[in-house]
C-alpha atoms as a PDB file:
ATOM      1  CA  MET A   1      -5.754  54.706  40.029  1.00  0.00           C
ATOM      2  CA  VAL A   2      -8.382  52.464  40.217  1.00  0.00           C
ATOM      3  CA  ASP A   3     -10.307  54.074  37.466  1.00  0.00           C
ATOM      4  CA  ASP A   4      -7.254  53.722  35.268  1.00  0.00           C
ATOM      5  CA  GLU A   5      -6.392  50.367  36.190  1.00  0.00           C
ATOM      6  CA  LEU A   6      -9.971  48.938  35.091  1.00  0.00           C
ATOM      7  CA  ALA A   7     -10.472  51.348  32.400  1.00  0.00           C
ATOM      8  CA  GLU A   8      -6.835  49.442  31.407  1.00  0.00           C
ATOM      9  CA  LEU A   9      -8.703  45.834  32.028  1.00  0.00           C
ATOM     10  CA  ARG A  10     -11.586  47.426  29.973  1.00  0.00           C
ATOM     11  CA  ARG A  11      -9.070  48.177  27.290  1.00  0.00           C
ATOM     12  CA  ARG A  12      -7.132  44.505  27.216  1.00  0.00           C
ATOM     13  CA  LYS A  13     -10.413  42.366  27.225  1.00  0.00           C
ATOM     14  CA  MET A  14     -11.828  44.489  24.715  1.00  0.00           C
ATOM     15  CA  GLU A  15      -8.462  43.452  22.394  1.00  0.00           C
ATOM     16  CA  GLN A  16      -8.696  40.290  22.675  1.00  0.00           C
ATOM     17  CA  MET A  17     -12.275  39.259  22.126  1.00  0.00           C
ATOM     18  CA  GLN A  18     -11.932  41.790  18.624  1.00  0.00           C
ATOM     19  CA  ARG A  19      -8.631  39.583  18.734  1.00  0.00           C
ATOM     20  CA  GLN A  20     -10.446  36.095  18.736  1.00  0.00           C
ATOM     21  CA  ALA A  21     -13.285  37.606  17.003  1.00  0.00           C
ATOM     22  CA  MET A  22     -10.838  38.152  14.092  1.00  0.00           C
ATOM     23  CA  SER A  23      -9.188  34.872  14.211  1.00  0.00           C
ATOM     24  CA  GLN A  24     -13.000  32.843  14.370  1.00  0.00           C
ATOM     25  CA  GLN A  25     -14.069  35.205  11.011  1.00  0.00           C
ATOM     26  CA  SER A  26     -10.855  34.042   9.105  1.00  0.00           C
ATOM     27  CA  MET A  27     -11.119  29.880  10.395  1.00  0.00           C
ATOM     28  CA  GLU A  28     -14.809  30.342   9.002  1.00  0.00           C
ATOM     29  CA  ASP A  29     -13.265  31.507   6.074  1.00  0.00           C
ATOM     30  CA  GLU A  30     -10.898  29.299   5.042  1.00  0.00           C
ATOM     31  CA  ALA A  31     -13.440  26.353   6.334  1.00  0.00           C
ATOM     32  CA  ALA A  32     -15.876  27.946   3.974  1.00  0.00           C
ATOM     33  CA  ARG A  33     -13.326  28.251   1.009  1.00  0.00           C
ATOM     34  CA  GLN A  34     -12.502  24.532   1.774  1.00  0.00           C
ATOM     35  CA  GLN A  35     -15.405  23.485   1.161  1.00  0.00           C
ATOM     36  CA  GLN A  36     -15.980  25.094  -2.128  1.00  0.00           C
ATOM     37  CA  ILE A  37     -12.762  23.019  -3.529  1.00  0.00           C
ATOM     38  CA  ASP A  38     -13.631  19.934  -2.422  1.00  0.00           C
ATOM     39  CA  ALA A  39     -17.292  21.266  -3.993  1.00  0.00           C
ATOM     40  CA  GLN A  40     -15.075  21.509  -7.587  1.00  0.00           C
ATOM     41  CA  VAL A  41     -13.517  18.544  -7.109  1.00  0.00           C
ATOM     42  CA  ARG A  42     -15.602  16.155  -6.119  1.00  0.00           C
ATOM     43  CA  ALA A  43     -17.569  17.691  -9.214  1.00  0.00           C
ATOM     44  CA  ALA A  44     -14.367  17.523 -11.901  1.00  0.00           C
ATOM     45  CA  LEU A  45     -14.014  13.632 -10.430  1.00  0.00           C
ATOM     46  CA  MET A  46     -17.905  12.821 -11.643  1.00  0.00           C
ATOM     47  CA  GLU A  47     -16.959  14.599 -14.735  1.00  0.00           C
ATOM     48  CA  ILE A  48     -13.831  12.031 -15.800  1.00  0.00           C
ATOM     49  CA  LEU A  49     -14.478   8.897 -13.817  1.00  0.00           C
ATOM     50  CA  GLU A  50     -16.853   6.073 -14.831  1.00  0.00           C
ATOM     51  CA  PRO A  51     -19.026   4.915 -11.339  1.00  0.00           C
ATOM     52  CA  GLU A  52     -16.779   1.880 -11.213  1.00  0.00           C
ATOM     53  CA  ALA A  53     -13.653   3.917 -11.384  1.00  0.00           C
ATOM     54  CA  ARG A  54     -15.076   6.222  -8.444  1.00  0.00           C
ATOM     55  CA  GLU A  55     -16.764   3.458  -6.671  1.00  0.00           C
ATOM     56  CA  ARG A  56     -12.794   2.292  -5.703  1.00  0.00           C
ATOM     57  CA  LEU A  57     -11.101   5.402  -5.233  1.00  0.00           C
ATOM     58  CA  ASN A  58     -14.252   5.979  -2.502  1.00  0.00           C
ATOM     59  CA  THR A  59     -13.117   3.222  -1.110  1.00  0.00           C
ATOM     60  CA  ILE A  60      -9.296   3.732  -1.124  1.00  0.00           C
ATOM     61  CA  LYS A  61     -10.316   7.513   0.352  1.00  0.00           C
ATOM     62  CA  LEU A  62     -11.604   5.001   3.772  1.00  0.00           C
ATOM     63  CA  THR A  63      -8.470   3.044   4.356  1.00  0.00           C
ATOM     64  CA  ARG A  64      -6.474   5.348   2.791  1.00  0.00           C
ATOM     65  CA  PRO A  65      -6.866   9.094   2.797  1.00  0.00           C
ATOM     66  CA  GLU A  66      -4.178  10.809   2.148  1.00  0.00           C
ATOM     67  CA  PHE A  67      -3.397   8.784  -0.454  1.00  0.00           C
ATOM     68  CA  ALA A  68      -6.600   8.733  -2.184  1.00  0.00           C
ATOM     69  CA  LYS A  69      -6.091  12.973  -1.858  1.00  0.00           C
ATOM     70  CA  ALA A  70      -3.215  12.535  -4.241  1.00  0.00           C
ATOM     71  CA  VAL A  71      -4.561  10.018  -6.650  1.00  0.00           C
ATOM     72  CA  GLU A  72      -7.559  12.879  -6.324  1.00  0.00           C
ATOM     73  CA  GLN A  73      -5.442  15.876  -7.424  1.00  0.00           C
ATOM     74  CA  GLN A  74      -3.301  14.135  -9.699  1.00  0.00           C
ATOM     75  CA  LEU A  75      -6.720  13.424 -11.625  1.00  0.00           C
ATOM     76  CA  VAL A  76      -7.552  16.605 -11.129  1.00  0.00           C
ATOM     77  CA  MET A  77      -4.364  18.104 -12.657  1.00  0.00           C
ATOM     78  CA  LEU A  78      -4.856  15.679 -15.725  1.00  0.00           C
ATOM     79  CA  ALA A  79      -8.150  16.546 -16.629  1.00  0.00           C
ATOM     80  CA  GLN A  80      -6.997  20.423 -16.509  1.00  0.00           C
ATOM     81  CA  SER A  81      -4.241  20.173 -18.441  1.00  0.00           C
ATOM     82  CA  GLY A  82      -6.087  18.131 -21.036  1.00  0.00           C
ATOM     83  CA  ARG A  83      -4.524  15.227 -20.574  1.00  0.00           C
ATOM     84  CA  VAL A  84      -8.363  13.226 -19.882  1.00  0.00           C
ATOM     85  CA  ARG A  85      -9.816  13.286 -23.241  1.00  0.00           C
ATOM     86  CA  GLN A  86     -11.978  10.429 -22.121  1.00  0.00           C
ATOM     87  CA  ARG A  87     -13.385   9.499 -19.052  1.00  0.00           C
ATOM     88  CA  ILE A  88     -10.967   6.817 -16.572  1.00  0.00           C
ATOM     89  CA  THR A  89     -11.983   3.127 -15.814  1.00  0.00           C
ATOM     90  CA  ASP A  90     -11.685   0.929 -13.460  1.00  0.00           C
ATOM     91  CA  GLU A  91      -9.007  -0.326 -15.461  1.00  0.00           C
ATOM     92  CA  GLN A  92      -6.791   2.826 -15.949  1.00  0.00           C
ATOM     93  CA  LEU A  93      -7.486   3.718 -12.839  1.00  0.00           C
ATOM     94  CA  LYS A  94      -5.534   1.088 -11.199  1.00  0.00           C
ATOM     95  CA  GLY A  95      -3.487   1.288 -13.375  1.00  0.00           C
ATOM     96  CA  LEU A  96      -2.852   4.535 -12.374  1.00  0.00           C
ATOM     97  CA  LEU A  97      -3.163   3.671  -8.618  1.00  0.00           C
ATOM     98  CA  ALA A  98       0.420   1.181  -9.333  1.00  0.00           C
ATOM     99  CA  GLN A  99       2.164   3.497 -10.763  1.00  0.00           C
ATOM    100  CA  LEU A 100       1.212   5.654  -7.917  1.00  0.00           C
ATOM    101  CA  THR A 101       1.803   3.134  -5.261  1.00  0.00           C
ATOM    102  CA  PRO A 102       5.475   2.431  -4.064  1.00  0.00           C
ATOM    103  CA  SER A 103       6.492  -0.492  -4.559  1.00  0.00           C
ATOM    104  CA  LYS A 104       6.948  -2.660  -1.439  1.00  0.00           C
ATOM    105  CA  LYS A 105      10.211  -4.697  -0.585  1.00  0.00           C
ATOM    106  CA  GLU A 106       9.747  -8.147   0.001  1.00  0.00           C
ATOM    107  CA  PHE A 107      12.360  -9.392   2.771  1.00  0.00           C
ATOM    108  CA  ARG A 108      13.311 -13.173   2.553  1.00  0.00           C
ATOM    109  CA  ILE A 109      15.177 -14.817   6.024  1.00  0.00           C
ATOM    110  CA  THR A 110      16.581 -17.632   5.887  1.00  0.00           C
ATOM    111  CA  ARG A 111      17.736 -19.937   8.581  1.00  0.00           C
ATOM    112  CA  LYS A 112      20.539 -22.396   9.198  1.00  0.00           C
END
């Protein structure tokens, strides 16, 4: 009886360890895939952005990472679709950022 319980505990522990190893492997694979995608995005941005525009995008990435990621994706999609024929300058990037940034509503409070 005790041997059966011990064998069952060992089997459960072995299954648990195998599941953990599989999940850890899948997380490592996902991290490697994400790094590869990030490298491809960086390479594409190096090709389509002028140095000043790339610097501006990196500055935005420090303050608003989600917004910068969306802009990067937009730029890569434009390049892949062939809509970018020449390198994007800083002024063109400013225009694109102005289009993508939601307009802020201005509130005026008047006191009587």
